[in-house]
Amino acid sequence: METMHLEANTMDFEDGEVALAFILKNLNIDSELPDVIFLDIDMPVMDGFQFMKEFSKIEESAK
């Protein structure tokens, strides 16, 4: 069995609003943007559903 050693850089945010602000701030810096986003649906301030709604707007405008 072969083992893969992958470099992982993780970030966590207290709520969706803070995460969204980070993404907007770093929109033009690919190395700062996440490859994968895991969401807690029950986050305070901005929940996971609200985050995805706003994130999809950013994603559409970035195309």
Protein backbone atom coordinates (compact mmCIF):
# COMPACT_ATOMS: atom_id res chain seq x y z
CA MET A 1 0.00 0.00 0.00
CA GLU A 2 1.37 3.41 -0.98
CA THR A 3 0.94 6.36 1.37
CA MET A 4 0.45 9.86 0.02
CA HIS A 5 1.90 12.78 1.93
CA LEU A 6 -0.14 15.84 1.09
CA GLU A 7 0.54 19.30 2.40
CA ALA A 8 -2.50 20.73 4.10
CA ASN A 9 -3.10 24.32 5.10
CA THR A 10 -6.33 24.75 7.00
CA MET A 11 -8.22 27.79 8.20
CA ASP A 12 -11.28 28.08 10.36
CA PHE A 13 -13.63 30.99 10.91
CA GLU A 14 -16.09 31.71 13.72
CA ASP A 15 -18.96 32.47 11.34
CA GLY A 16 -19.82 32.65 7.67
CA GLU A 17 -19.62 36.44 7.55
CA VAL A 18 -15.94 36.41 8.60
CA ALA A 19 -15.16 33.66 6.08
CA LEU A 20 -16.89 35.58 3.31
CA ALA A 21 -14.96 38.75 4.20
CA PHE A 22 -11.69 36.79 3.99
CA ILE A 23 -12.59 35.45 0.56
CA LEU A 24 -13.59 38.90 -0.73
CA LYS A 25 -10.38 40.42 0.62
CA ASN A 26 -8.26 37.77 -1.12
CA LEU A 27 -10.30 37.35 -4.29
CA ASN A 28 -7.35 38.17 -6.54
CA ILE A 29 -4.79 36.08 -4.63
CA ASP A 30 -5.30 32.48 -5.76
CA SER A 31 -2.83 31.09 -3.23
CA GLU A 32 -4.97 32.47 -0.37
CA LEU A 33 -8.29 31.09 -1.63
CA PRO A 34 -9.50 27.71 -0.40
CA ASP A 35 -9.62 24.63 -2.62
CA VAL A 36 -12.28 23.05 -0.40
CA ILE A 37 -14.83 24.66 1.93
CA PHE A 38 -16.56 22.73 4.71
CA LEU A 39 -19.53 24.51 6.23
CA ASP A 40 -21.43 24.18 9.46
CA ILE A 41 -25.05 24.80 8.55
CA ASP A 42 -25.71 26.20 12.04
CA MET A 43 -22.99 28.91 12.24
CA PRO A 44 -23.76 32.12 14.13
CA VAL A 45 -24.24 35.49 12.35
CA MET A 46 -24.34 33.97 8.82
CA ASP A 47 -25.25 30.30 8.58
CA GLY A 48 -23.98 27.86 5.97
CA PHE A 49 -26.98 28.35 3.68
CA GLN A 50 -26.58 32.14 3.71
CA PHE A 51 -22.84 31.76 3.11
CA MET A 52 -23.44 29.57 0.05
CA LYS A 53 -25.97 32.05 -1.36
CA GLU A 54 -23.46 34.93 -1.06
CA PHE A 55 -20.51 32.79 -2.17
CA SER A 56 -22.34 31.76 -5.35
CA LYS A 57 -22.79 35.47 -6.21
CA ILE A 58 -19.03 36.01 -5.85
CA GLU A 59 -18.28 32.89 -7.86
CA GLU A 60 -20.58 34.02 -10.70
CA SER A 61 -19.06 37.51 -10.86
CA ALA A 62 -15.51 36.09 -10.87
CA LYS A 63 -16.12 34.12 -14.08
